N, C-alpha and C. Protein backbone atom coordinates (compact mmCIF):
# COMPACT_ATOMS: atom_id res chain seq x y z
N MET A 1 -32.99 -38.94 -90.75
CA MET A 1 -33.45 -37.59 -90.90
C MET A 1 -32.41 -36.65 -90.31
N THR A 2 -32.12 -35.58 -91.01
CA THR A 2 -31.14 -34.60 -90.56
C THR A 2 -31.71 -33.62 -89.55
N LYS A 3 -30.96 -33.37 -88.53
CA LYS A 3 -31.44 -32.46 -87.50
C LYS A 3 -31.25 -31.01 -87.96
N ARG A 4 -32.23 -30.20 -87.70
CA ARG A 4 -32.14 -28.78 -88.13
C ARG A 4 -31.22 -28.02 -87.26
N ARG A 5 -30.32 -27.24 -87.89
CA ARG A 5 -29.44 -26.27 -87.18
C ARG A 5 -29.87 -24.89 -87.59
N GLU A 6 -30.28 -24.12 -86.57
CA GLU A 6 -30.83 -22.79 -86.86
C GLU A 6 -29.74 -21.84 -87.36
N PRO A 7 -30.12 -20.88 -88.25
CA PRO A 7 -29.18 -19.88 -88.73
C PRO A 7 -28.62 -19.10 -87.58
N LEU A 8 -27.42 -18.57 -87.75
CA LEU A 8 -26.73 -17.78 -86.74
C LEU A 8 -26.44 -18.57 -85.50
N THR A 9 -26.11 -19.84 -85.63
CA THR A 9 -25.73 -20.64 -84.48
C THR A 9 -24.37 -21.31 -84.78
N TYR A 10 -23.67 -21.57 -83.72
CA TYR A 10 -22.37 -22.26 -83.84
C TYR A 10 -22.59 -23.70 -84.32
N HIS A 11 -23.74 -24.27 -83.99
CA HIS A 11 -24.07 -25.61 -84.46
C HIS A 11 -24.07 -25.67 -85.98
N ARG A 12 -24.67 -24.65 -86.57
CA ARG A 12 -24.75 -24.61 -88.06
C ARG A 12 -23.38 -24.32 -88.64
N ALA A 13 -22.61 -23.41 -88.00
CA ALA A 13 -21.31 -23.10 -88.46
C ALA A 13 -20.42 -24.40 -88.51
N LEU A 14 -20.49 -25.15 -87.44
CA LEU A 14 -19.74 -26.38 -87.37
C LEU A 14 -20.12 -27.40 -88.45
N THR A 15 -21.43 -27.50 -88.72
CA THR A 15 -21.83 -28.45 -89.81
C THR A 15 -21.32 -27.97 -91.13
N ARG A 16 -21.28 -26.67 -91.32
CA ARG A 16 -20.74 -26.12 -92.57
C ARG A 16 -19.22 -26.45 -92.77
N VAL A 17 -18.50 -26.30 -91.66
CA VAL A 17 -17.07 -26.64 -91.71
C VAL A 17 -16.90 -28.14 -91.96
N ALA A 18 -17.65 -28.96 -91.23
CA ALA A 18 -17.53 -30.38 -91.39
C ALA A 18 -17.91 -30.83 -92.77
N ALA A 19 -18.85 -30.18 -93.41
CA ALA A 19 -19.25 -30.52 -94.80
C ALA A 19 -18.09 -30.36 -95.74
N LEU A 20 -17.19 -29.41 -95.42
CA LEU A 20 -16.09 -29.18 -96.34
C LEU A 20 -14.89 -29.97 -95.97
N ILE A 21 -14.53 -30.11 -94.70
CA ILE A 21 -13.32 -30.79 -94.35
C ILE A 21 -13.51 -32.15 -93.70
N GLY A 22 -14.72 -32.45 -93.29
CA GLY A 22 -15.00 -33.76 -92.72
C GLY A 22 -15.05 -33.74 -91.19
N TRP A 23 -15.88 -34.57 -90.61
CA TRP A 23 -16.00 -34.66 -89.16
C TRP A 23 -14.72 -35.14 -88.49
N ASP A 24 -14.12 -36.14 -89.13
CA ASP A 24 -12.92 -36.69 -88.56
C ASP A 24 -11.78 -35.68 -88.55
N ARG A 25 -11.67 -34.91 -89.60
CA ARG A 25 -10.62 -33.85 -89.67
C ARG A 25 -10.91 -32.78 -88.62
N CYS A 26 -12.17 -32.44 -88.43
CA CYS A 26 -12.53 -31.46 -87.39
C CYS A 26 -12.06 -31.94 -86.03
N GLY A 27 -12.36 -33.19 -85.73
CA GLY A 27 -11.91 -33.77 -84.48
C GLY A 27 -10.41 -33.77 -84.32
N ALA A 28 -9.67 -34.11 -85.38
CA ALA A 28 -8.25 -34.14 -85.34
C ALA A 28 -7.67 -32.72 -85.05
N ILE A 29 -8.24 -31.73 -85.70
CA ILE A 29 -7.79 -30.35 -85.53
C ILE A 29 -8.01 -29.91 -84.10
N CYS A 30 -9.10 -30.35 -83.49
CA CYS A 30 -9.43 -29.88 -82.11
C CYS A 30 -8.93 -30.79 -81.06
N GLY A 31 -8.33 -31.95 -81.46
CA GLY A 31 -7.78 -32.91 -80.47
C GLY A 31 -8.82 -33.69 -79.73
N VAL A 32 -9.95 -33.90 -80.38
CA VAL A 32 -11.03 -34.69 -79.77
C VAL A 32 -11.54 -35.69 -80.83
N GLY A 33 -12.37 -36.60 -80.39
CA GLY A 33 -12.92 -37.57 -81.30
C GLY A 33 -14.06 -36.99 -82.18
N GLU A 34 -14.34 -37.72 -83.23
CA GLU A 34 -15.39 -37.30 -84.10
C GLU A 34 -16.73 -37.16 -83.37
N ARG A 35 -17.00 -38.11 -82.48
CA ARG A 35 -18.27 -38.06 -81.71
C ARG A 35 -18.37 -36.72 -80.91
N ALA A 36 -17.28 -36.30 -80.31
CA ALA A 36 -17.28 -35.01 -79.55
C ALA A 36 -17.67 -33.86 -80.46
N VAL A 37 -17.07 -33.89 -81.66
CA VAL A 37 -17.36 -32.78 -82.59
C VAL A 37 -18.80 -32.83 -83.03
N ARG A 38 -19.31 -33.99 -83.33
CA ARG A 38 -20.73 -34.10 -83.65
C ARG A 38 -21.65 -33.65 -82.55
N ASN A 39 -21.25 -33.95 -81.28
CA ASN A 39 -22.04 -33.44 -80.14
C ASN A 39 -22.02 -31.90 -80.12
N TRP A 40 -20.88 -31.29 -80.40
CA TRP A 40 -20.83 -29.85 -80.46
C TRP A 40 -21.79 -29.25 -81.46
N SER A 41 -22.01 -29.98 -82.52
CA SER A 41 -22.94 -29.49 -83.59
C SER A 41 -24.40 -29.78 -83.28
N ASP A 42 -24.66 -30.55 -82.24
CA ASP A 42 -26.03 -30.95 -81.91
C ASP A 42 -26.66 -29.98 -80.91
N PRO A 43 -27.68 -29.24 -81.33
CA PRO A 43 -28.30 -28.26 -80.44
C PRO A 43 -29.00 -28.89 -79.19
N ASP A 44 -29.16 -30.19 -79.26
CA ASP A 44 -29.84 -30.91 -78.13
C ASP A 44 -28.83 -31.43 -77.07
N THR A 45 -27.57 -31.24 -77.27
CA THR A 45 -26.59 -31.65 -76.31
C THR A 45 -26.10 -30.40 -75.54
N GLU A 46 -25.56 -30.67 -74.36
CA GLU A 46 -25.11 -29.54 -73.50
C GLU A 46 -23.70 -29.15 -73.78
N THR A 47 -22.96 -29.90 -74.57
CA THR A 47 -21.54 -29.59 -74.83
C THR A 47 -21.47 -28.55 -75.97
N GLU A 48 -20.50 -27.71 -75.90
CA GLU A 48 -20.39 -26.67 -76.93
C GLU A 48 -18.88 -26.51 -77.27
N ILE A 49 -18.66 -26.04 -78.42
CA ILE A 49 -17.31 -25.84 -78.90
C ILE A 49 -16.63 -24.71 -78.17
N ARG A 50 -15.33 -24.87 -77.89
CA ARG A 50 -14.54 -23.81 -77.26
C ARG A 50 -14.12 -22.78 -78.36
N MET A 51 -13.95 -21.58 -77.92
CA MET A 51 -13.60 -20.49 -78.86
C MET A 51 -12.27 -20.84 -79.59
N LEU A 52 -11.33 -21.35 -78.90
CA LEU A 52 -10.05 -21.75 -79.58
C LEU A 52 -10.26 -22.77 -80.65
N ASP A 53 -11.11 -23.73 -80.42
CA ASP A 53 -11.38 -24.73 -81.42
C ASP A 53 -12.17 -24.12 -82.57
N ALA A 54 -13.04 -23.19 -82.30
CA ALA A 54 -13.81 -22.53 -83.37
C ALA A 54 -12.82 -21.79 -84.28
N GLU A 55 -11.84 -21.11 -83.67
CA GLU A 55 -10.87 -20.41 -84.49
C GLU A 55 -10.06 -21.40 -85.33
N ARG A 56 -9.66 -22.48 -84.74
CA ARG A 56 -8.91 -23.49 -85.50
C ARG A 56 -9.70 -24.01 -86.65
N LEU A 57 -10.99 -24.26 -86.46
CA LEU A 57 -11.82 -24.76 -87.56
C LEU A 57 -12.08 -23.68 -88.59
N ASP A 58 -12.22 -22.44 -88.21
CA ASP A 58 -12.31 -21.35 -89.18
C ASP A 58 -11.05 -21.29 -90.08
N ARG A 59 -9.91 -21.43 -89.44
CA ARG A 59 -8.64 -21.43 -90.21
C ARG A 59 -8.60 -22.59 -91.18
N ALA A 60 -9.00 -23.75 -90.73
CA ALA A 60 -8.95 -24.94 -91.55
C ALA A 60 -9.97 -24.83 -92.72
N PHE A 61 -11.12 -24.25 -92.42
CA PHE A 61 -12.12 -24.06 -93.46
C PHE A 61 -11.56 -23.10 -94.57
N LEU A 62 -10.97 -22.06 -94.13
CA LEU A 62 -10.34 -21.07 -95.09
C LEU A 62 -9.22 -21.80 -95.90
N ALA A 63 -8.40 -22.54 -95.22
CA ALA A 63 -7.28 -23.23 -95.87
C ALA A 63 -7.79 -24.24 -96.86
N ALA A 64 -8.99 -24.79 -96.66
CA ALA A 64 -9.56 -25.81 -97.56
C ALA A 64 -10.33 -25.16 -98.68
N GLY A 65 -10.28 -23.86 -98.80
CA GLY A 65 -10.94 -23.21 -99.90
C GLY A 65 -12.25 -22.50 -99.54
N GLY A 66 -12.65 -22.50 -98.28
CA GLY A 66 -13.83 -21.77 -97.88
C GLY A 66 -13.72 -20.30 -98.09
N ASP A 67 -14.84 -19.63 -98.34
CA ASP A 67 -14.80 -18.25 -98.69
C ASP A 67 -15.04 -17.26 -97.51
N HIS A 68 -15.18 -17.80 -96.33
CA HIS A 68 -15.37 -17.00 -95.14
C HIS A 68 -15.02 -17.86 -93.93
N ALA A 69 -15.04 -17.22 -92.76
CA ALA A 69 -14.80 -17.95 -91.51
C ALA A 69 -16.15 -18.13 -90.81
N PRO A 70 -16.73 -19.32 -90.91
CA PRO A 70 -18.12 -19.53 -90.40
C PRO A 70 -18.34 -19.18 -88.95
N PHE A 71 -17.43 -19.48 -88.07
CA PHE A 71 -17.64 -19.18 -86.65
C PHE A 71 -17.50 -17.67 -86.44
N LEU A 72 -16.50 -17.05 -87.02
CA LEU A 72 -16.35 -15.59 -86.91
C LEU A 72 -17.61 -14.88 -87.47
N GLN A 73 -18.15 -15.37 -88.58
CA GLN A 73 -19.30 -14.78 -89.16
C GLN A 73 -20.48 -14.82 -88.15
N VAL A 74 -20.72 -15.97 -87.57
CA VAL A 74 -21.78 -16.12 -86.60
C VAL A 74 -21.55 -15.20 -85.40
N TYR A 75 -20.34 -15.21 -84.88
CA TYR A 75 -19.99 -14.42 -83.70
C TYR A 75 -20.25 -12.94 -84.02
N SER A 76 -19.70 -12.45 -85.07
CA SER A 76 -19.81 -11.02 -85.40
C SER A 76 -21.21 -10.58 -85.67
N LEU A 77 -21.97 -11.43 -86.38
CA LEU A 77 -23.36 -11.05 -86.63
C LEU A 77 -24.23 -11.07 -85.41
N ARG A 78 -24.00 -12.05 -84.49
CA ARG A 78 -24.70 -12.08 -83.24
C ARG A 78 -24.39 -10.85 -82.37
N LEU A 79 -23.16 -10.43 -82.35
CA LEU A 79 -22.77 -9.26 -81.57
C LEU A 79 -23.40 -8.00 -82.20
N GLU A 80 -23.44 -7.93 -83.52
CA GLU A 80 -24.07 -6.80 -84.18
C GLU A 80 -25.59 -6.72 -83.85
N VAL A 81 -26.25 -7.86 -83.82
CA VAL A 81 -27.67 -7.86 -83.51
C VAL A 81 -27.84 -7.43 -82.02
N ALA A 82 -26.96 -7.94 -81.17
CA ALA A 82 -27.09 -7.57 -79.73
C ALA A 82 -26.81 -6.05 -79.53
N ALA A 83 -25.85 -5.51 -80.31
CA ALA A 83 -25.59 -4.04 -80.18
C ALA A 83 -26.75 -3.23 -80.68
N ARG A 84 -27.41 -3.67 -81.75
CA ARG A 84 -28.63 -2.96 -82.23
C ARG A 84 -29.71 -3.04 -81.22
N GLU A 85 -29.92 -4.22 -80.64
CA GLU A 85 -30.98 -4.37 -79.62
C GLU A 85 -30.68 -3.46 -78.44
N ALA A 86 -29.49 -3.45 -77.98
CA ALA A 86 -29.12 -2.63 -76.85
C ALA A 86 -29.35 -1.15 -77.12
N ALA A 87 -28.94 -0.72 -78.35
CA ALA A 87 -29.17 0.64 -78.75
C ALA A 87 -30.62 1.01 -78.84
N ARG A 88 -31.46 0.09 -79.34
CA ARG A 88 -32.86 0.29 -79.42
C ARG A 88 -33.50 0.45 -78.02
N LEU A 89 -33.08 -0.43 -77.10
CA LEU A 89 -33.58 -0.35 -75.73
C LEU A 89 -33.09 0.94 -75.09
N ASP A 90 -31.88 1.38 -75.38
CA ASP A 90 -31.34 2.64 -74.86
C ASP A 90 -32.27 3.81 -75.27
N VAL A 91 -32.71 3.84 -76.50
CA VAL A 91 -33.60 4.89 -77.01
C VAL A 91 -34.93 4.81 -76.24
N ALA A 92 -35.47 3.61 -76.09
CA ALA A 92 -36.72 3.49 -75.44
C ALA A 92 -36.65 3.94 -73.96
N ASN A 93 -35.57 3.55 -73.29
CA ASN A 93 -35.40 3.99 -71.90
C ASN A 93 -35.20 5.48 -71.81
N ALA A 94 -34.50 6.07 -72.74
CA ALA A 94 -34.31 7.53 -72.73
C ALA A 94 -35.64 8.23 -73.03
N ALA A 95 -36.48 7.68 -73.88
CA ALA A 95 -37.77 8.26 -74.14
C ALA A 95 -38.66 8.21 -72.91
N ALA A 96 -38.62 7.11 -72.23
CA ALA A 96 -39.44 6.96 -70.98
C ALA A 96 -38.97 7.99 -69.94
N GLN A 97 -37.64 8.13 -69.82
CA GLN A 97 -37.10 9.10 -68.83
C GLN A 97 -37.49 10.51 -69.21
N ALA A 98 -37.41 10.81 -70.53
CA ALA A 98 -37.77 12.18 -71.00
C ALA A 98 -39.27 12.46 -70.72
N ALA A 99 -40.11 11.45 -70.95
CA ALA A 99 -41.52 11.64 -70.65
C ALA A 99 -41.79 11.90 -69.17
N LYS A 100 -41.11 11.14 -68.33
CA LYS A 100 -41.24 11.30 -66.89
C LYS A 100 -40.80 12.74 -66.48
N GLU A 101 -39.60 13.13 -66.92
CA GLU A 101 -39.05 14.42 -66.54
C GLU A 101 -39.88 15.57 -67.15
N THR A 102 -40.39 15.41 -68.34
CA THR A 102 -41.23 16.46 -68.93
C THR A 102 -42.51 16.63 -68.17
N GLY A 103 -43.14 15.50 -67.74
CA GLY A 103 -44.34 15.62 -66.93
C GLY A 103 -44.09 16.35 -65.64
N GLU A 104 -43.02 16.02 -64.98
CA GLU A 104 -42.69 16.68 -63.70
C GLU A 104 -42.37 18.16 -63.95
N ALA A 105 -41.72 18.48 -65.06
CA ALA A 105 -41.43 19.89 -65.32
C ALA A 105 -42.68 20.66 -65.61
N ILE A 106 -43.59 20.08 -66.36
CA ILE A 106 -44.87 20.77 -66.66
C ILE A 106 -45.67 21.06 -65.38
N SER A 107 -45.74 20.04 -64.54
CA SER A 107 -46.42 20.19 -63.27
C SER A 107 -45.81 21.27 -62.44
N ALA A 108 -44.49 21.27 -62.34
CA ALA A 108 -43.80 22.32 -61.53
C ALA A 108 -43.96 23.66 -62.13
N LEU A 109 -43.96 23.80 -63.47
CA LEU A 109 -44.15 25.08 -64.11
C LEU A 109 -45.56 25.64 -63.87
N VAL A 110 -46.54 24.76 -63.92
CA VAL A 110 -47.94 25.19 -63.65
C VAL A 110 -48.02 25.71 -62.24
N LEU A 111 -47.47 24.98 -61.30
CA LEU A 111 -47.46 25.49 -59.88
C LEU A 111 -46.73 26.79 -59.75
N ALA A 112 -45.63 26.97 -60.45
CA ALA A 112 -44.83 28.19 -60.35
C ALA A 112 -45.52 29.33 -61.01
N ALA A 113 -46.43 29.07 -61.94
CA ALA A 113 -47.10 30.15 -62.65
C ALA A 113 -48.26 30.80 -61.84
N SER A 114 -48.65 30.17 -60.75
CA SER A 114 -49.77 30.72 -59.95
C SER A 114 -49.32 32.04 -59.33
N PRO A 115 -50.26 32.99 -59.12
CA PRO A 115 -49.90 34.26 -58.56
C PRO A 115 -49.26 34.22 -57.18
N ASP A 116 -49.56 33.20 -56.43
CA ASP A 116 -49.04 33.12 -55.07
C ASP A 116 -47.94 32.11 -54.93
N ALA A 117 -47.28 31.79 -56.10
CA ALA A 117 -46.16 30.80 -56.06
C ALA A 117 -45.00 31.33 -55.21
N SER A 118 -44.47 30.43 -54.45
CA SER A 118 -43.30 30.73 -53.62
C SER A 118 -41.99 30.75 -54.41
N PRO A 119 -40.94 31.39 -53.90
CA PRO A 119 -39.64 31.28 -54.57
C PRO A 119 -39.19 29.81 -54.65
N GLU A 120 -39.54 28.99 -53.68
CA GLU A 120 -39.17 27.59 -53.74
C GLU A 120 -39.86 26.88 -54.91
N ALA A 121 -41.10 27.24 -55.18
CA ALA A 121 -41.82 26.62 -56.29
C ALA A 121 -41.19 27.04 -57.60
N ARG A 122 -40.78 28.26 -57.71
CA ARG A 122 -40.12 28.69 -58.96
C ARG A 122 -38.75 28.01 -59.13
N ARG A 123 -38.02 27.86 -58.03
CA ARG A 123 -36.73 27.15 -58.08
C ARG A 123 -36.94 25.69 -58.50
N ALA A 124 -37.97 25.09 -57.89
CA ALA A 124 -38.32 23.68 -58.29
C ALA A 124 -38.72 23.58 -59.77
N ALA A 125 -39.41 24.55 -60.23
CA ALA A 125 -39.79 24.53 -61.67
C ALA A 125 -38.57 24.65 -62.58
N ARG A 126 -37.64 25.51 -62.19
CA ARG A 126 -36.41 25.63 -62.98
C ARG A 126 -35.62 24.30 -62.95
N GLN A 127 -35.55 23.72 -61.77
CA GLN A 127 -34.82 22.45 -61.62
C GLN A 127 -35.44 21.32 -62.47
N GLU A 128 -36.79 21.25 -62.40
CA GLU A 128 -37.48 20.24 -63.14
C GLU A 128 -37.31 20.47 -64.68
N ALA A 129 -37.38 21.71 -65.06
CA ALA A 129 -37.20 22.05 -66.48
C ALA A 129 -35.80 21.63 -66.96
N GLU A 130 -34.77 21.97 -66.15
CA GLU A 130 -33.40 21.55 -66.50
C GLU A 130 -33.28 20.05 -66.59
N GLU A 131 -33.92 19.33 -65.68
CA GLU A 131 -33.88 17.86 -65.73
C GLU A 131 -34.55 17.32 -66.99
N ALA A 132 -35.67 17.99 -67.42
CA ALA A 132 -36.34 17.56 -68.65
C ALA A 132 -35.44 17.82 -69.84
N ILE A 133 -34.77 18.96 -69.88
CA ILE A 133 -33.87 19.27 -70.96
C ILE A 133 -32.71 18.24 -71.05
N GLU A 134 -32.16 17.91 -69.88
CA GLU A 134 -31.10 16.92 -69.85
C GLU A 134 -31.61 15.56 -70.33
N ALA A 135 -32.81 15.17 -69.97
CA ALA A 135 -33.40 13.91 -70.41
C ALA A 135 -33.54 13.91 -71.90
N PHE A 136 -33.94 15.01 -72.49
CA PHE A 136 -34.05 15.09 -73.97
C PHE A 136 -32.67 15.06 -74.62
N GLN A 137 -31.70 15.67 -74.00
CA GLN A 137 -30.32 15.56 -74.57
C GLN A 137 -29.84 14.16 -74.49
N SER A 138 -30.10 13.43 -73.40
CA SER A 138 -29.73 12.03 -73.29
C SER A 138 -30.50 11.21 -74.35
N GLY A 139 -31.69 11.57 -74.62
CA GLY A 139 -32.45 10.86 -75.63
C GLY A 139 -31.84 11.08 -77.02
N LEU A 140 -31.42 12.27 -77.26
CA LEU A 140 -30.78 12.56 -78.59
C LEU A 140 -29.45 11.76 -78.74
N ALA A 141 -28.67 11.73 -77.62
CA ALA A 141 -27.46 10.94 -77.65
C ALA A 141 -27.76 9.47 -77.87
N ALA A 142 -28.81 8.94 -77.20
CA ALA A 142 -29.16 7.53 -77.40
C ALA A 142 -29.61 7.28 -78.82
N LEU A 143 -30.27 8.22 -79.39
CA LEU A 143 -30.70 8.10 -80.83
C LEU A 143 -29.48 8.06 -81.73
N ASP A 144 -28.49 8.92 -81.46
CA ASP A 144 -27.29 8.95 -82.23
C ASP A 144 -26.59 7.55 -82.15
N ARG A 145 -26.52 7.03 -80.94
CA ARG A 145 -25.90 5.66 -80.76
C ARG A 145 -26.65 4.60 -81.49
N HIS A 146 -27.96 4.75 -81.48
CA HIS A 146 -28.82 3.79 -82.22
C HIS A 146 -28.56 3.82 -83.68
N GLU A 147 -28.48 5.04 -84.23
CA GLU A 147 -28.22 5.19 -85.66
C GLU A 147 -26.79 4.67 -86.01
N SER A 148 -25.84 4.94 -85.13
CA SER A 148 -24.48 4.44 -85.35
C SER A 148 -24.39 2.93 -85.35
N ALA A 149 -25.30 2.29 -84.57
CA ALA A 149 -25.31 0.81 -84.45
C ALA A 149 -26.09 0.20 -85.63
N GLY A 150 -26.57 1.05 -86.53
CA GLY A 150 -27.25 0.55 -87.73
C GLY A 150 -28.76 0.45 -87.53
N GLY A 151 -29.29 1.13 -86.58
CA GLY A 151 -30.73 1.06 -86.28
C GLY A 151 -31.55 1.98 -87.19
């Protein structure tokens, strides 16, 4: 029975390379035995391929007629997913901060609107309103970054 290698994993990239050039050739290119290479492709082992060896195998795959670099593809797609996730979280954090600052600004403005409000209360309201505006500006910048990341 063949062990499942999940999409977007280096284990799967390695099995794709080995299918084209062979396990023994992969080992020779990386200066290790075939068993070591098979272990790199096994998600249940703790050993993993080194980046230098992944590059070597990508080159060998391309030289053997492959249409892409499997390890580079996995690496770049995983980074792209991570960037999108980070951008999405950035927007969520900015929204939470804007909500907090807006609530504080509204509270301060209500207090400053009372007939007996002190000059300090009015200064605090201005400060809180400025902080709310800054939080919204940060939210807009986070949204722009999110859209740039493909979100």
